[in-house]
């Protein structure tokens, strides 16, 4: 079980306890501290002394989630790998239920599930991950490459997958400090099937320090992530590629990079002239550029 942690000493004990309390006992928990400045290392070491299944890895330089997960993966010994973020909590039978599905459907590479959303204090919000983060009529099982091209709908801490899937994907791409999981799932989904359990098996914590709540940073990571997928997917159908480019353009608009967004929307309509949303956004970038102050040479600053 890979558990990256950066300054999550407040939440770490609950996350660790939920993993070690699994009804499926045969596991190892690898906690990678990514150069924390709080008491996270102390917490991890204390649990290592209490339970021989805990392994600790300490970074001297912060590498982000990709590097932290890869460091844990490098010392992992099992044929199956699970992810648990240091602020989330597993249900007691999570691994047992997922392993049963693997036994029933041995062709699967990845099994994920729904999750309950909790707040920073661990209180239930009454919301499910699926209701908040799944798209309309979201397909969660099967060969899902085209679905992953458009969005990431997997709750990270619910994932249990075969080690060979991560080897096939090359681990987590360290060019990304976030959304590295999305790119990883897209790569895996080219070869392996995904299974989904609609039962919530994790409590997914949403709080102010979640990286996913940093809107501007996430827009930049989205541009990079989709760019990687496009660069690796020469066989992606043009209509799907157009939708992917549209999402990149929207992220560039969020970053106020109007020139880049205009070029991206132009590429989107070149791939699919019927992508009306891309046409509308392209026109919006033209209008936004027209608002910019003009200088003596008649050039608009963008």
Protein backbone atom coordinates (compact mmCIF):
# COMPACT_ATOMS: atom_id res chain seq x y z
CA UNK A 1 0.00 0.00 0.00
CA UNK A 2 1.53 3.29 -1.08
CA UNK A 3 0.88 6.24 1.22
CA UNK A 4 2.66 9.48 0.26
CA UNK A 5 2.61 12.19 2.91
CA UNK A 6 3.59 15.84 3.01
CA UNK A 7 2.78 17.82 6.16
CA UNK A 8 -0.24 15.66 6.97
CA UNK A 9 0.67 14.77 10.56
CA UNK A 10 -2.86 15.76 11.57
CA UNK A 11 -4.49 13.16 9.34
CA UNK A 12 -1.79 10.49 9.06
CA UNK A 13 -2.71 8.43 12.16
CA UNK A 14 -6.29 7.87 10.96
CA UNK A 15 -5.13 6.90 7.47
CA UNK A 16 -2.50 4.47 8.80
CA UNK A 17 -4.88 2.90 11.30
CA UNK A 18 -7.51 2.30 8.61
CA UNK A 19 -5.01 0.41 6.46
CA UNK A 20 -3.57 -1.70 9.27
CA UNK A 21 -7.08 -2.54 10.53
CA UNK A 22 -8.07 -4.21 7.25
CA UNK A 23 -9.87 -7.54 7.52
CA UNK A 24 -7.38 -8.74 4.89
CA UNK A 25 -4.24 -8.80 7.03
CA UNK A 26 -1.55 -9.82 4.52
CA UNK A 27 -0.25 -6.42 3.49
CA UNK A 28 2.62 -3.98 3.76
CA UNK A 29 2.13 -0.25 4.20
CA UNK A 30 4.83 1.94 2.67
CA UNK A 31 4.71 5.51 3.98
CA UNK A 32 6.79 7.95 1.94
CA UNK A 33 7.36 11.24 3.70
CA UNK A 34 8.05 13.87 1.05
CA UNK A 35 10.26 16.16 3.12
CA UNK A 36 7.59 17.24 5.62
CA UNK A 37 8.24 20.09 8.03
CA UNK A 38 5.66 19.01 10.62
CA UNK A 39 5.60 15.86 12.79
CA UNK A 40 4.78 13.49 9.90
CA UNK A 41 8.08 11.60 10.11
CA UNK A 42 7.67 11.13 13.84
CA UNK A 43 4.16 9.76 13.33
CA UNK A 44 5.32 7.35 10.61
CA UNK A 45 8.24 6.10 12.69
CA UNK A 46 6.00 5.54 15.71
CA UNK A 47 3.68 3.33 13.67
CA UNK A 48 6.63 1.47 12.17
CA UNK A 49 7.74 0.53 15.68
CA UNK A 50 4.22 -0.65 16.54
CA UNK A 51 3.57 -2.77 13.42
CA UNK A 52 6.13 -4.72 11.40
CA UNK A 53 4.00 -4.30 8.25
CA UNK A 54 4.89 -0.59 8.11
CA UNK A 55 7.83 0.50 5.92
CA UNK A 56 9.04 4.09 5.88
CA UNK A 57 10.79 6.03 3.12
CA UNK A 58 12.04 9.55 3.84
CA UNK A 59 12.80 12.11 1.14
CA UNK A 60 15.39 14.82 1.71
CA UNK A 61 14.02 16.84 -1.23
CA UNK A 62 10.34 17.37 -1.98
CA UNK A 63 9.43 15.56 -5.22
CA UNK A 64 5.65 15.79 -5.26
CA UNK A 65 3.12 12.96 -5.35
CA UNK A 66 4.65 11.26 -8.40
CA UNK A 67 8.09 10.97 -6.87
CA UNK A 68 6.71 9.93 -3.48
CA UNK A 69 4.58 7.17 -5.00
CA UNK A 70 7.44 5.96 -7.19
CA UNK A 71 9.76 5.79 -4.17
CA UNK A 72 7.22 3.65 -2.37
CA UNK A 73 6.69 1.47 -5.43
CA UNK A 74 10.44 0.88 -5.68
CA UNK A 75 10.46 -0.94 -2.33
CA UNK A 76 7.04 -2.61 -2.63
CA UNK A 77 7.13 -6.40 -2.78
CA UNK A 78 3.54 -7.44 -3.52
CA UNK A 79 1.87 -8.44 -6.79
CA UNK A 80 -0.95 -6.02 -5.99
CA UNK A 81 -0.53 -2.33 -5.18
CA UNK A 82 -3.08 -0.10 -3.45
CA UNK A 83 -3.05 3.66 -3.05
CA UNK A 84 -4.12 5.55 0.04
CA UNK A 85 -3.54 9.26 0.41
CA UNK A 86 -2.46 10.34 3.88
CA UNK A 87 -5.68 12.28 4.53
CA UNK A 88 -8.15 9.55 3.50
CA UNK A 89 -9.60 6.59 5.42
CA UNK A 90 -10.30 3.05 4.22
CA UNK A 91 -13.34 0.99 5.16
CA UNK A 92 -12.40 -2.17 7.09
CA UNK A 93 -13.30 -4.62 4.28
CA UNK A 94 -11.96 -2.55 1.37
CA UNK A 95 -9.16 -4.90 0.30
CA UNK A 96 -11.22 -8.03 0.96
CA UNK A 97 -14.05 -6.85 -1.31
CA UNK A 98 -11.71 -5.74 -4.08
CA UNK A 99 -9.64 -8.94 -4.03
CA UNK A 100 -12.88 -10.95 -4.32
CA UNK A 101 -13.68 -9.06 -7.53
CA UNK A 102 -10.20 -9.80 -8.87
CA UNK A 103 -10.78 -13.50 -8.18
CA UNK A 104 -14.14 -13.37 -9.95
CA UNK A 105 -12.75 -11.41 -12.92
CA UNK A 106 -9.04 -12.31 -13.28
CA UNK A 107 -8.80 -10.36 -16.53
CA UNK A 108 -9.06 -7.06 -14.62
CA UNK A 109 -5.99 -4.91 -14.07
CA UNK A 110 -7.50 -2.26 -11.79
CA UNK A 111 -10.39 -2.19 -9.31
CA UNK A 112 -11.70 1.09 -7.90
CA UNK A 113 -14.83 2.11 -6.03
CA UNK A 114 -17.07 4.91 -4.89
CA UNK A 115 -16.21 6.90 -1.76
CA UNK A 116 -17.92 8.98 0.90
CA UNK A 117 -16.79 12.60 1.18
CA UNK A 118 -15.73 13.86 4.59
CA UNK A 119 -14.58 17.30 5.67
CA UNK A 120 -11.35 18.38 7.32
CA UNK A 121 -12.63 17.20 10.70
CA UNK A 122 -13.62 13.79 9.39
CA UNK A 123 -17.36 14.48 9.39
CA UNK A 124 -19.54 13.10 6.62
CA UNK A 125 -20.78 15.75 4.20
CA UNK A 126 -23.63 13.59 2.88
CA UNK A 127 -22.02 13.52 -0.58
CA UNK A 128 -20.52 10.71 -2.59
CA UNK A 129 -17.45 10.96 -4.78
CA UNK A 130 -19.44 9.65 -7.77
CA UNK A 131 -22.05 12.41 -7.48
CA UNK A 132 -19.40 15.12 -7.38
CA UNK A 133 -16.71 13.91 -9.76
CA UNK A 134 -18.22 11.47 -12.24
CA UNK A 135 -19.46 12.75 -15.56
CA UNK A 136 -22.99 12.23 -16.79
CA UNK A 137 -23.60 8.55 -17.62
CA UNK A 138 -20.01 7.84 -16.54
CA UNK A 139 -18.65 4.44 -17.53
CA UNK A 140 -16.39 3.14 -14.76
CA UNK A 141 -15.80 -0.47 -15.82
CA UNK A 142 -14.26 -2.05 -18.89
CA UNK A 143 -11.70 -0.72 -21.36
CA UNK A 144 -11.81 2.98 -20.56
CA UNK A 145 -9.08 4.67 -22.58
CA UNK A 146 -11.39 7.07 -24.38
CA UNK A 147 -13.13 7.98 -21.12
CA UNK A 148 -9.77 8.78 -19.49
CA UNK A 149 -8.84 10.99 -22.43
CA UNK A 150 -11.60 13.35 -21.32
CA UNK A 151 -11.58 13.26 -17.52
CA UNK A 152 -10.23 11.60 -14.41
CA UNK A 153 -13.12 9.99 -12.56
CA UNK A 154 -11.17 7.61 -10.31
CA UNK A 155 -10.86 8.30 -6.60
CA UNK A 156 -7.17 7.65 -5.98
CA UNK A 157 -7.45 6.11 -2.53
CA UNK A 158 -9.95 3.51 -3.76
CA UNK A 159 -7.53 1.98 -6.29
CA UNK A 160 -6.18 -1.57 -6.04
CA UNK A 161 -4.25 -2.75 -9.10
CA UNK A 162 -1.86 -5.39 -10.30
CA UNK A 163 1.80 -4.40 -10.01
CA UNK A 164 2.28 -5.24 -13.70
CA UNK A 165 -0.10 -2.39 -14.61
CA UNK A 166 2.19 0.19 -13.01
CA UNK A 167 5.23 -1.43 -14.62
CA UNK A 168 3.49 -1.17 -18.00
CA UNK A 169 2.69 2.53 -17.40
CA UNK A 170 6.23 3.30 -16.23
CA UNK A 171 5.04 4.29 -12.77
CA UNK A 172 3.85 7.84 -12.12
CA UNK A 173 5.16 10.53 -14.45
CA UNK A 174 7.39 12.86 -12.43
CA UNK A 175 6.95 15.68 -14.92
CA UNK A 176 3.63 16.15 -13.13
CA UNK A 177 3.28 17.18 -9.50
CA UNK A 178 -0.46 16.59 -9.71
CA UNK A 179 -2.80 14.68 -12.05
CA UNK A 180 -0.05 12.09 -12.35
CA UNK A 181 -2.66 9.49 -11.45
CA UNK A 182 -4.87 10.55 -14.38
CA UNK A 183 -2.07 10.09 -16.90
CA UNK A 184 -1.18 6.77 -15.29
CA UNK A 185 -4.76 5.46 -15.56
CA UNK A 186 -4.94 6.56 -19.20
CA UNK A 187 -1.76 4.64 -20.00
CA UNK A 188 -2.90 1.54 -18.14
CA UNK A 189 -6.35 1.62 -19.76
CA UNK A 190 -4.81 1.04 -23.19
CA UNK A 191 -4.10 -2.56 -22.18
CA UNK A 192 -5.96 -3.43 -18.98
CA UNK A 193 -9.59 -3.51 -17.96
CA UNK A 194 -10.99 -1.58 -14.99
CA UNK A 195 -13.53 -2.93 -12.52
CA UNK A 196 -15.78 -0.72 -10.41
CA UNK A 197 -17.54 -1.30 -7.11
CA UNK A 198 -20.32 1.22 -6.49
CA UNK A 199 -20.12 0.63 -2.74
CA UNK A 200 -18.15 3.40 -0.95
CA UNK A 201 -14.97 1.75 0.34
CA UNK A 202 -13.10 4.93 1.29
CA UNK A 203 -13.77 8.18 3.11
CA UNK A 204 -12.32 10.85 0.82
CA UNK A 205 -11.34 13.99 2.68
CA UNK A 206 -11.96 17.42 1.14
CA UNK A 207 -10.27 20.31 2.95
CA UNK A 208 -8.57 23.61 2.25
CA UNK A 209 -5.08 22.17 1.78
CA UNK A 210 -6.13 19.67 -0.92
CA UNK A 211 -3.96 20.30 -3.97
CA UNK A 212 -7.04 19.70 -6.13
CA UNK A 213 -8.58 22.87 -4.66
CA UNK A 214 -5.78 25.09 -5.97
CA UNK A 215 -7.56 26.15 -9.15
CA UNK A 216 -4.78 27.98 -10.96
CA UNK A 217 -2.17 25.32 -10.28
CA UNK A 218 -4.55 22.58 -11.36
CA UNK A 219 -5.23 24.36 -14.65
CA UNK A 220 -1.52 24.30 -15.42
CA UNK A 221 -1.24 20.63 -14.53
CA UNK A 222 -4.25 19.87 -16.73
CA UNK A 223 -2.55 21.50 -19.72
CA UNK A 224 0.53 19.36 -19.13
CA UNK A 225 -1.38 16.13 -18.45
CA UNK A 226 -3.58 16.31 -21.54
CA UNK A 227 -0.57 17.36 -23.58
CA UNK A 228 1.23 14.17 -22.51
CA UNK A 229 -1.78 12.05 -23.45
CA UNK A 230 -2.06 13.72 -26.84
CA UNK A 231 1.64 13.27 -27.49
CA UNK A 232 1.43 9.55 -26.70
CA UNK A 233 -1.87 8.96 -28.49
CA UNK A 234 -1.22 9.26 -32.20
CA UNK A 235 -4.13 6.87 -32.80
CA UNK A 236 -6.70 8.98 -30.92
CA UNK A 237 -9.73 9.66 -33.18
CA UNK A 238 -9.84 13.25 -34.39
CA UNK A 239 -13.22 14.01 -32.83
CA UNK A 240 -11.93 12.81 -29.44
CA UNK A 241 -8.69 14.72 -29.91
CA UNK A 242 -10.76 17.86 -30.57
CA UNK A 243 -12.54 17.43 -27.23
CA UNK A 244 -9.21 16.98 -25.46
CA UNK A 245 -7.84 20.14 -27.08
CA UNK A 246 -10.98 21.96 -25.99
CA UNK A 247 -10.27 21.05 -22.35
CA UNK A 248 -6.69 22.29 -22.74
CA UNK A 249 -7.92 25.58 -24.17
CA UNK A 250 -10.32 26.09 -21.27
CA UNK A 251 -7.46 25.50 -18.82
CA UNK A 252 -5.31 28.01 -20.70
CA UNK A 253 -8.14 30.55 -20.41
CA UNK A 254 -8.19 29.94 -16.65
CA UNK A 255 -4.51 30.83 -16.70
CA UNK A 256 -5.31 33.97 -18.77
CA UNK A 257 -3.03 32.68 -21.55
CA UNK A 258 -5.32 33.96 -24.29
CA UNK A 259 -2.87 33.55 -27.15
CA UNK A 260 -2.21 29.91 -26.33
CA UNK A 261 -5.92 29.24 -25.82
CA UNK A 262 -6.81 30.78 -29.17
CA UNK A 263 -4.30 28.55 -30.93
CA UNK A 264 -5.56 25.46 -29.07
CA UNK A 265 -9.19 26.11 -29.96
CA UNK A 266 -8.14 26.65 -33.56
CA UNK A 267 -6.52 23.20 -33.53
CA UNK A 268 -9.66 21.75 -31.93
CA UNK A 269 -11.94 22.97 -34.72
CA UNK A 270 -9.41 21.84 -37.31
CA UNK A 271 -9.79 18.30 -35.95
CA UNK A 272 -13.57 18.53 -35.71
CA UNK A 273 -15.39 21.36 -37.45
CA UNK A 274 -18.58 20.35 -35.59
CA UNK A 275 -17.06 21.08 -32.18
CA UNK A 276 -19.31 24.08 -31.57
CA UNK A 277 -18.03 24.68 -28.06
CA UNK A 278 -14.51 25.10 -29.42
CA UNK A 279 -15.77 27.61 -32.02
CA UNK A 280 -17.51 29.60 -29.28
CA UNK A 281 -14.43 29.64 -27.06
CA UNK A 282 -12.21 30.62 -30.00
CA UNK A 283 -14.49 33.63 -30.60
CA UNK A 284 -14.33 34.44 -26.88
CA UNK A 285 -10.52 34.57 -27.00
CA UNK A 286 -10.72 36.97 -29.95
CA UNK A 287 -13.04 39.26 -28.01
CA UNK A 288 -10.80 39.09 -24.95
CA UNK A 289 -7.76 39.99 -27.04
CA UNK A 290 -9.61 42.99 -28.46
CA UNK A 291 -9.99 44.36 -24.93
CA UNK A 292 -6.23 44.47 -24.40
CA UNK A 293 -4.50 47.88 -24.53
CA UNK A 294 -2.91 48.66 -27.89
CA UNK A 295 0.40 50.37 -28.37
CA UNK A 296 1.75 52.65 -31.06
CA UNK A 297 2.73 49.83 -33.38
CA UNK A 298 -0.85 48.61 -33.43
CA UNK A 299 0.05 45.31 -31.71
CA UNK A 300 -2.26 44.08 -28.99
CA UNK A 301 -0.48 42.78 -25.90
CA UNK A 302 -1.70 39.27 -25.06
